[in-house]
Every structure is written in C-alpha cells, then in structure tokens.
Amino acid sequence: MTLTVKFIGSLRHVTGKSQLRMDHVNGMSLGDLLVKMSPEAPELKKSLGDMETDDSPLNALILVNGMEISVLDGLKTKLSDGDEIVFVPVIHGG
C-alpha cells in the first residue's frame, strides 16, 4: 500500500528528489502525510509555509489525483492506497 508523491520545479531542488514513495496507512490525511514526510524531505515544511491551519495559504498547489486540495478537504483530505500527490510551487508577487 503506497502513495506516490511528486515535486515540481523549485520543490525538486528543495527536497532533492523528484518523487517519493510513501507507505499508506488507513485513514491517513494529507496533513498526516506531510508530517510523515518530514524526515524524508525536512526542507519541504519551510518551503510550504504555515501548515498548522487549513485556512493559511501554502506556498504550493497540492494536487491529489489531479484535483487541487481546496476543492477537496484541504489538509484533511483522506488519502487512499495508490493516490498520487503532486506539489507545485506557487510564486507570489505583485
């Protein structure tokens, strides 16, 4: 039971990886995955911004099976075996 996690653009450089395979646990949410990924990609948390609250904007678009998490359940989105999670960096500016 695995999940595929992909990093696009500058997040590849931050993590030093283009993708990870992570074990899936029943009931795991996207937020749980981010915590579980910390040892594998410790710099990712700094790059994403504040993940403590669901209403804080992250510095990346996160897609679960091609759907942006804001149309799902945010960081509370439940993951299933075989899901693909993609992190796409967002550039803020004015």
Protein backbone atom coordinates (compact mmCIF):
# COMPACT_ATOMS: atom_id res chain seq x y z
CA MET A 1 0.00 0.00 0.00
CA THR A 2 1.84 3.08 -1.25
CA LEU A 3 1.37 6.69 -2.24
CA THR A 4 3.37 8.47 -4.95
CA VAL A 5 4.47 11.99 -4.04
CA LYS A 6 5.89 14.19 -6.82
CA PHE A 7 7.69 17.52 -6.60
CA ILE A 8 7.64 20.02 -9.47
CA GLY A 9 10.00 22.91 -10.24
CA SER A 10 11.86 24.51 -7.35
CA LEU A 11 10.40 22.00 -4.89
CA ARG A 12 12.56 19.35 -6.57
CA HIS A 13 15.61 21.35 -5.57
CA VAL A 14 14.30 21.95 -2.05
CA THR A 15 13.64 18.27 -1.43
CA GLY A 16 16.48 16.93 -3.55
CA LYS A 17 14.01 14.49 -5.09
CA SER A 18 11.56 14.42 -7.97
CA GLN A 19 9.35 11.88 -6.25
CA LEU A 20 8.92 9.76 -3.14
CA ARG A 21 7.04 6.57 -2.44
CA MET A 22 5.39 6.65 0.97
CA ASP A 23 3.58 3.90 2.84
CA HIS A 24 -0.16 4.44 3.08
CA VAL A 25 -1.97 3.89 6.37
CA ASN A 26 -5.78 3.56 6.51
CA GLY A 27 -7.39 6.85 7.50
CA MET A 28 -4.30 8.90 6.58
CA SER A 29 -4.97 12.51 5.66
CA LEU A 30 -2.82 14.82 3.57
CA GLY A 31 -1.76 16.59 6.78
CA ASP A 32 -0.67 13.23 8.23
CA LEU A 33 1.36 12.60 5.08
CA LEU A 34 3.14 15.93 5.42
CA VAL A 35 4.14 15.05 8.99
CA LYS A 36 5.27 11.59 7.88
CA MET A 37 7.32 13.11 5.02
CA SER A 38 9.27 15.44 7.32
CA PRO A 39 12.21 13.06 7.83
CA GLU A 40 12.36 12.30 4.09
CA ALA A 41 12.11 15.95 2.97
CA PRO A 42 12.78 18.22 6.00
CA GLU A 43 13.16 21.42 3.95
CA LEU A 44 9.70 21.00 2.42
CA LYS A 45 7.89 22.24 5.54
CA LYS A 46 9.81 25.55 5.45
CA SER A 47 9.07 25.97 1.75
CA LEU A 48 5.34 25.31 2.10
CA GLY A 49 4.71 27.86 4.84
CA ASP A 50 2.32 27.53 7.79
CA MET A 51 0.65 24.12 7.68
CA GLU A 52 -0.85 24.39 11.16
CA THR A 53 -4.19 25.71 9.95
CA ASP A 54 -6.22 24.80 6.89
CA ASP A 55 -7.05 28.45 6.17
CA SER A 56 -3.45 29.63 5.87
CA PRO A 57 -2.30 29.82 2.23
CA LEU A 58 0.51 27.43 1.38
CA ASN A 59 3.34 28.30 -0.99
CA ALA A 60 2.39 25.39 -3.25
CA LEU A 61 -0.56 23.96 -5.05
CA ILE A 62 -1.16 20.46 -3.83
CA LEU A 63 -2.95 18.08 -6.15
CA VAL A 64 -4.38 14.71 -5.14
CA ASN A 65 -5.05 12.61 -8.21
CA GLY A 66 -5.12 15.79 -10.32
CA MET A 67 -7.53 17.72 -8.08
CA GLU A 68 -6.41 20.78 -6.12
CA ILE A 69 -6.95 20.24 -2.39
CA SER A 70 -9.04 23.40 -1.99
CA VAL A 71 -11.86 21.64 -3.89
CA LEU A 72 -11.38 18.56 -1.72
CA ASP A 73 -11.00 18.81 2.06
CA GLY A 74 -7.74 20.75 2.28
CA LEU A 75 -5.11 19.20 4.54
CA LYS A 76 -7.86 16.96 5.96
CA THR A 77 -8.27 15.23 2.56
CA LYS A 78 -8.24 11.48 3.15
CA LEU A 79 -5.77 9.54 1.05
CA SER A 80 -6.24 6.10 -0.46
CA ASP A 81 -3.77 3.45 -1.48
CA GLY A 82 -2.29 4.30 -4.89
CA ASP A 83 -3.05 8.03 -4.74
CA GLU A 84 -0.70 10.47 -6.47
CA ILE A 85 0.09 13.70 -4.62
CA VAL A 86 1.82 16.47 -6.58
CA PHE A 87 3.39 19.60 -5.07
CA VAL A 88 3.62 22.56 -7.48
CA PRO A 89 5.39 25.73 -6.27
CA VAL A 90 3.48 29.00 -6.29
CA ILE A 91 5.19 32.33 -6.81
CA HIS A 92 3.56 35.24 -5.00
CA GLY A 93 4.11 38.76 -6.16
CA GLY A 94 2.51 41.96 -7.11
